[in-house]
Amino acid sequence: MPSEAVSLFWTAESALHPGAGATLSAVDLPIQRETHTGNPIVYGSGLKGALRELKANASGKVAPEYEALFGPDSAQASDHAGLGIFSEARVVLFPVASFAGIFVWVTCPAELHRLKRDLLALEKSLDAPAAKAAKDFALLSIPDPGVSNVAAPKTCSAVINGKIFLLESEGLTLESAAEPAAAQIAKWFADHGFPAGPEYADWRSRANNNIVVLSNDEFYYFVKVATHIEMHVKIGPTGTVEDGPWSEESLPPDTLLHSTVVLPPPLAAGVLAKLNGQKPKKLLEDIFATHPRFQICGDQSVGKGWVCPRILS
């Protein structure tokens, strides 16, 4: 039995707080990031745990087939590993406020080439529609606009007289060039990255026109400084501040992330028995079919963490 794979896009419908714990930085509770780029990520273990929780009963147990997919409970963790190999989710499109058009999604050559590499690596393990979408992306030309420039679709609503004014970072002004390649990239994401339901039609239409490519330096700058920072305090029983204030960082709503799940063939007899003839990929697809949106990461009790995932197809 060959390995199977799933390519996943995660659209944030609310702010996301993939917490990294307390640090000595300016932000008390920052989000998870890559060390070398500073690009925000969501650890694969967090995604795996959130999906497992969707199938758990009131006592936290899951059916045997989902134990095969995600792994057994902590007490039996040494029995076997879960079949699903979950990568971290990386930001590929990041929303940044603009003077016109409200906001644009920004990306960069480095992240687009990473996505291309991931899709090509999975191509033989994807189903036919997803493999075609992966090939289509691999054929796209990726513009490299350089510092202080931006490659944008001709129809981008944020462009005024050949310039884009991004309101973060004291009003950064970038020279805009109408790039057919940027328009093709925007259309691919609108068709394959964003949720497919009719309620997201306006989102996909907006993405078609308002995904722009920045230089690598400027993209990584924005994902470091343009996240959502909010202050918190703890109110005691007398109605006065008991603890705080402290600052907490989140990814803004409308962020688009990408991750992968590889499903190798089960080798252990015990795992095969737990699957009871069911296919791991079908189990994963059924979770998304029955839970079109759910919460991941921290601060779920205050409304954060809502995502709408989409399997590449």
Protein backbone atom coordinates (compact mmCIF):
# COMPACT_ATOMS: atom_id res chain seq x y z
CA MET A 1 0.00 0.00 0.00
CA PRO A 2 1.63 3.34 -1.04
CA SER A 3 1.73 6.38 1.20
CA GLU A 4 -1.10 8.87 0.91
CA ALA A 5 -0.96 12.57 1.68
CA VAL A 6 -3.21 15.55 2.25
CA SER A 7 -2.36 19.19 1.55
CA LEU A 8 -4.25 21.49 3.92
CA PHE A 9 -4.99 25.19 3.91
CA TRP A 10 -6.20 26.81 7.12
CA THR A 11 -8.12 30.09 6.92
CA ALA A 12 -8.31 31.95 10.22
CA GLU A 13 -11.85 33.16 10.87
CA SER A 14 -10.83 34.74 14.18
CA ALA A 15 -7.53 35.68 15.77
CA LEU A 16 -5.27 32.67 16.43
CA HIS A 17 -3.02 32.34 19.46
CA PRO A 18 -0.60 29.43 18.93
CA GLY A 19 1.13 30.18 22.21
CA ALA A 20 4.87 29.84 22.63
CA GLY A 21 4.85 30.40 26.41
CA ALA A 22 6.22 33.29 28.43
CA THR A 23 9.44 34.94 27.19
CA LEU A 24 11.70 37.84 28.05
CA SER A 25 10.75 39.68 24.85
CA ALA A 26 8.59 42.81 24.63
CA VAL A 27 5.51 40.57 24.27
CA ASP A 28 4.77 38.52 27.37
CA LEU A 29 2.91 35.72 25.53
CA PRO A 30 4.17 35.54 21.92
CA ILE A 31 3.12 33.16 19.17
CA GLN A 32 5.08 30.22 17.76
CA ARG A 33 7.63 31.21 15.11
CA GLU A 34 10.42 29.75 13.03
CA THR A 35 13.77 30.61 14.56
CA HIS A 36 15.55 31.59 11.35
CA THR A 37 12.81 33.58 9.54
CA GLY A 38 10.47 34.70 12.30
CA ASN A 39 7.57 33.43 10.20
CA PRO A 40 4.59 32.46 12.42
CA ILE A 41 3.77 28.75 12.54
CA VAL A 42 1.41 26.39 14.30
CA TYR A 43 3.16 23.27 15.53
CA GLY A 44 2.01 20.03 13.94
CA SER A 45 1.42 18.52 17.37
CA GLY A 46 -1.15 21.24 18.07
CA LEU A 47 -3.00 20.58 14.81
CA LYS A 48 -2.95 16.84 15.44
CA GLY A 49 -4.25 17.30 18.98
CA ALA A 50 -7.06 19.61 17.86
CA LEU A 51 -8.23 17.10 15.25
CA ARG A 52 -8.02 14.22 17.71
CA GLU A 53 -10.10 16.19 20.20
CA LEU A 54 -12.90 16.51 17.63
CA LYS A 55 -13.37 12.71 17.76
CA ALA A 56 -12.96 12.30 21.52
CA ASN A 57 -15.86 11.45 23.83
CA ALA A 58 -16.58 13.14 27.17
CA SER A 59 -13.80 11.18 28.87
CA GLY A 60 -11.26 12.03 26.17
CA LYS A 61 -11.24 8.59 24.53
CA VAL A 62 -11.33 8.06 20.79
CA ALA A 63 -12.47 5.06 18.76
CA PRO A 64 -9.78 2.48 17.81
CA GLU A 65 -9.55 3.67 14.19
CA TYR A 66 -8.73 7.20 15.39
CA GLU A 67 -6.18 5.79 17.81
CA ALA A 68 -4.54 4.26 14.75
CA LEU A 69 -4.61 7.64 12.98
CA PHE A 70 -3.59 9.93 15.86
CA GLY A 71 -1.97 7.59 18.36
CA PRO A 72 -3.23 6.08 21.64
CA ASP A 73 -3.83 7.92 24.91
CA SER A 74 -0.82 9.20 26.83
CA ALA A 75 -0.91 6.25 29.21
CA GLN A 76 -0.47 3.85 26.26
CA ALA A 77 1.74 6.13 24.16
CA SER A 78 4.47 3.49 23.95
CA ASP A 79 2.14 1.04 22.19
CA HIS A 80 2.54 2.63 18.75
CA ALA A 81 2.75 6.00 17.02
CA GLY A 82 -0.16 7.50 15.13
CA LEU A 83 -0.09 6.95 11.37
CA GLY A 84 -0.60 10.63 10.56
CA ILE A 85 2.62 12.64 10.16
CA PHE A 86 1.57 16.27 10.66
CA SER A 87 3.82 19.13 9.55
CA GLU A 88 3.64 22.58 11.10
CA ALA A 89 1.30 25.08 9.45
CA ARG A 90 3.18 28.04 7.94
CA VAL A 91 1.76 31.43 7.02
CA VAL A 92 1.56 31.82 3.23
CA LEU A 93 -0.84 34.79 3.02
CA PHE A 94 -0.81 37.49 5.70
CA PRO A 95 -3.41 40.31 5.88
CA VAL A 96 -2.00 43.84 6.12
CA ALA A 97 -4.08 47.03 6.35
CA SER A 98 -3.94 49.30 3.30
CA PHE A 99 -4.96 52.91 2.70
CA ALA A 100 -7.35 51.79 -0.07
CA GLY A 101 -9.21 48.50 -0.31
CA ILE A 102 -9.11 48.01 3.49
CA PHE A 103 -6.41 45.31 3.42
CA VAL A 104 -4.38 43.08 1.12
CA TRP A 105 -2.92 39.64 1.60
CA VAL A 106 0.86 39.73 1.31
CA THR A 107 3.19 36.89 0.45
CA CYS A 108 6.77 36.62 -0.81
CA PRO A 109 8.92 34.55 -3.18
CA ALA A 110 10.49 32.51 -0.35
CA GLU A 111 7.12 31.29 0.98
CA LEU A 112 5.72 30.67 -2.50
CA HIS A 113 8.76 28.58 -3.44
CA ARG A 114 8.38 26.66 -0.17
CA LEU A 115 4.76 25.93 -1.01
CA LYS A 116 5.75 24.84 -4.51
CA ARG A 117 8.38 22.49 -3.06
CA ASP A 118 5.90 21.00 -0.57
CA LEU A 119 3.28 20.40 -3.24
CA LEU A 120 5.74 18.79 -5.65
CA ALA A 121 7.10 16.56 -2.88
CA LEU A 122 3.58 15.30 -2.18
CA GLU A 123 2.36 15.14 -5.76
CA LYS A 124 2.59 11.35 -6.20
CA SER A 125 0.79 10.78 -2.89
CA LEU A 126 -2.10 13.17 -3.59
CA ASP A 127 -5.34 12.17 -5.25
CA ALA A 128 -5.77 13.13 -8.91
CA PRO A 129 -7.55 16.52 -8.47
CA ALA A 130 -5.08 17.65 -5.80
CA ALA A 131 -2.11 16.45 -7.88
CA LYS A 132 -3.38 18.51 -10.82
CA ALA A 133 -3.74 21.59 -8.61
CA ALA A 134 -0.20 21.02 -7.32
CA LYS A 135 1.13 20.77 -10.89
CA ASP A 136 -0.73 23.93 -11.87
CA PHE A 137 0.94 25.82 -9.03
CA ALA A 138 4.34 24.41 -9.91
CA LEU A 139 3.97 25.86 -13.42
CA LEU A 140 3.30 29.37 -12.14
CA SER A 141 6.01 31.99 -12.43
CA ILE A 142 6.87 33.51 -9.05
CA PRO A 143 7.72 37.22 -9.25
CA ASP A 144 10.49 38.73 -7.15
CA PRO A 145 9.63 42.44 -6.94
CA GLY A 146 12.58 43.58 -4.82
CA VAL A 147 12.63 45.95 -1.85
CA SER A 148 10.10 48.84 -1.90
CA ASN A 149 8.21 47.23 -4.78
CA VAL A 150 5.16 44.99 -4.96
CA ALA A 151 3.82 42.70 -7.69
CA ALA A 152 0.03 42.97 -7.76
CA PRO A 153 -2.88 41.91 -9.97
CA LYS A 154 -3.96 44.67 -12.35
CA THR A 155 -7.35 44.74 -10.59
CA CYS A 156 -5.92 45.18 -7.06
CA SER A 157 -8.19 47.63 -5.21
CA ALA A 158 -5.37 48.84 -2.96
CA VAL A 159 -3.33 50.39 -5.80
CA ILE A 160 -3.55 54.19 -6.15
CA ASN A 161 -1.59 55.79 -9.02
CA GLY A 162 0.83 52.91 -9.15
CA LYS A 163 1.45 52.77 -5.41
CA ILE A 164 0.24 50.69 -2.45
CA PHE A 165 0.10 52.38 0.95
CA LEU A 166 0.34 49.81 3.72
CA LEU A 167 -0.78 51.37 6.98
CA GLU A 168 1.29 49.24 9.29
CA SER A 169 4.84 50.36 10.01
CA GLU A 170 4.10 54.11 9.93
CA GLY A 171 2.56 54.02 6.47
CA LEU A 172 4.94 52.08 4.24
CA THR A 173 4.63 53.11 0.57
CA LEU A 174 5.50 50.58 -2.14
CA GLU A 175 5.74 51.00 -5.89
CA SER A 176 3.23 48.69 -7.55
CA ALA A 177 3.71 46.88 -10.84
CA ALA A 178 0.75 45.10 -12.44
CA GLU A 179 2.09 41.57 -12.83
CA PRO A 180 0.27 38.83 -14.78
CA ALA A 181 2.16 36.31 -12.62
CA ALA A 182 0.76 37.90 -9.45
CA ALA A 183 -2.75 37.68 -10.90
CA GLN A 184 -2.27 33.98 -11.68
CA ILE A 185 -1.00 33.31 -8.15
CA ALA A 186 -3.98 35.17 -6.67
CA LYS A 187 -6.40 33.16 -8.82
CA TRP A 188 -4.80 29.87 -7.78
CA PHE A 189 -5.21 30.70 -4.10
CA ALA A 190 -8.79 31.87 -4.65
CA ASP A 191 -9.58 28.60 -6.43
CA HIS A 192 -7.66 26.17 -4.22
CA GLY A 193 -6.62 27.78 -0.93
CA PHE A 194 -9.68 29.51 0.45
CA PRO A 195 -12.82 27.68 1.62
CA ALA A 196 -15.05 26.43 -1.19
CA GLY A 197 -18.51 26.99 0.35
CA PRO A 198 -20.93 29.58 -1.07
CA GLU A 199 -20.64 31.64 2.11
CA TYR A 200 -17.00 32.29 1.18
CA ALA A 201 -17.67 33.45 -2.39
CA ASP A 202 -16.95 37.07 -1.49
CA TRP A 203 -13.71 36.02 0.23
CA ARG A 204 -12.55 34.17 -2.89
CA SER A 205 -13.52 37.11 -5.11
CA ARG A 206 -11.53 39.46 -2.90
CA ALA A 207 -8.54 37.12 -2.91
CA ASN A 208 -8.61 37.06 -6.71
CA ASN A 209 -7.75 40.77 -6.77
CA ASN A 210 -5.94 41.52 -3.54
CA ILE A 211 -3.07 39.06 -3.08
CA VAL A 212 0.24 40.84 -3.64
CA VAL A 213 3.85 39.67 -3.64
CA LEU A 214 6.41 41.61 -1.57
CA SER A 215 10.14 41.12 -1.25
CA ASN A 216 11.19 38.49 1.26
CA ASP A 217 12.58 41.12 3.63
CA GLU A 218 9.37 43.14 3.71
CA PHE A 219 7.13 40.10 4.11
CA TYR A 220 9.11 38.78 7.06
CA TYR A 221 9.10 42.29 8.54
CA PHE A 222 5.31 42.50 8.39
CA VAL A 223 4.74 39.08 9.94
CA LYS A 224 6.92 40.22 12.84
CA VAL A 225 5.44 43.67 13.50
CA ALA A 226 1.87 43.54 12.14
CA THR A 227 0.44 40.81 14.36
CA HIS A 228 -2.35 41.55 16.83
CA ILE A 229 -1.16 42.56 20.31
CA GLU A 230 -3.65 42.96 23.13
CA MET A 231 -3.31 43.72 26.81
CA HIS A 232 -4.88 41.61 29.57
CA VAL A 233 -5.48 41.95 33.28
CA LYS A 234 -6.93 39.56 35.83
CA ILE A 235 -9.80 40.94 37.89
CA GLY A 236 -10.06 39.60 41.44
CA PRO A 237 -13.22 38.84 43.44
CA THR A 238 -13.39 42.44 44.72
CA GLY A 239 -13.50 43.84 41.19
CA THR A 240 -9.97 45.21 41.27
CA VAL A 241 -6.94 44.21 39.20
CA GLU A 242 -5.31 41.16 40.76
CA ASP A 243 -2.66 40.47 38.15
CA GLY A 244 -1.28 42.20 35.07
CA PRO A 245 -1.24 43.86 32.75
CA TRP A 246 0.39 41.44 30.33
CA SER A 247 0.55 41.45 26.54
CA GLU A 248 -0.53 38.61 24.26
CA GLU A 249 0.20 38.17 20.56
CA SER A 250 -2.14 36.60 17.98
CA LEU A 251 -2.30 36.07 14.24
CA PRO A 252 -4.99 38.31 12.74
CA PRO A 253 -8.21 36.96 11.21
CA ASP A 254 -8.02 36.18 7.46
CA THR A 255 -4.50 34.73 7.74
CA LEU A 256 -3.99 31.72 5.45
CA LEU A 257 -1.66 28.90 6.54
CA HIS A 258 -0.58 25.69 4.83
CA SER A 259 0.36 22.31 6.27
CA THR A 260 0.66 18.71 5.13
CA VAL A 261 -0.31 15.31 6.50
CA VAL A 262 1.51 12.20 5.25
CA LEU A 263 -0.17 8.84 5.85
CA PRO A 264 2.29 5.96 5.33
CA PRO A 265 0.98 2.40 5.12
CA PRO A 266 0.51 0.79 8.55
CA LEU A 267 3.17 -1.79 9.37
CA ALA A 268 2.24 -2.88 12.89
CA ALA A 269 -0.39 -5.61 13.13
CA GLY A 270 -2.02 -3.83 16.07
CA VAL A 271 -2.52 -0.65 14.04
CA LEU A 272 -4.03 -2.62 11.15
CA ALA A 273 -6.42 -4.28 13.56
CA LYS A 274 -7.52 -0.94 14.97
CA LEU A 275 -8.19 0.42 11.47
CA ASN A 276 -10.51 -2.53 10.82
CA GLY A 277 -10.26 -2.09 7.07
CA GLN A 278 -10.81 1.69 7.11
CA LYS A 279 -8.50 3.97 5.13
CA PRO A 280 -6.63 6.60 7.19
CA LYS A 281 -7.11 9.30 4.55
CA LYS A 282 -10.86 8.71 4.46
CA LEU A 283 -10.98 9.01 8.26
CA LEU A 284 -9.20 12.37 8.04
CA GLU A 285 -11.44 13.60 5.22
CA ASP A 286 -14.55 12.61 7.20
CA ILE A 287 -13.39 14.78 10.12
CA PHE A 288 -13.24 17.83 7.88
CA ALA A 289 -16.54 16.95 6.23
CA THR A 290 -18.35 16.79 9.59
CA HIS A 291 -16.46 19.75 11.11
CA PRO A 292 -16.21 22.45 8.41
CA ARG A 293 -14.95 24.88 11.05
CA PHE A 294 -13.56 24.37 14.52
CA GLN A 295 -11.11 25.85 17.02
CA ILE A 296 -7.37 25.32 17.32
CA CYS A 297 -4.64 26.91 19.46
CA GLY A 298 -5.21 28.83 22.70
CA ASP A 299 -7.78 31.23 24.20
CA GLN A 300 -10.72 29.31 22.75
CA SER A 301 -13.01 30.37 25.60
CA VAL A 302 -12.73 34.01 24.49
CA GLY A 303 -13.52 33.25 20.84
CA LYS A 304 -10.05 32.82 19.37
CA GLY A 305 -8.88 29.93 17.25
CA TRP A 306 -11.71 29.51 14.73
CA VAL A 307 -10.44 28.11 11.43
CA CYS A 308 -12.01 26.81 8.25
CA PRO A 309 -9.70 24.17 6.74
CA ARG A 310 -9.68 23.14 3.10
CA ILE A 311 -8.12 20.04 1.62
CA LEU A 312 -6.39 20.86 -1.65
CA SER A 313 -8.55 19.64 -4.51
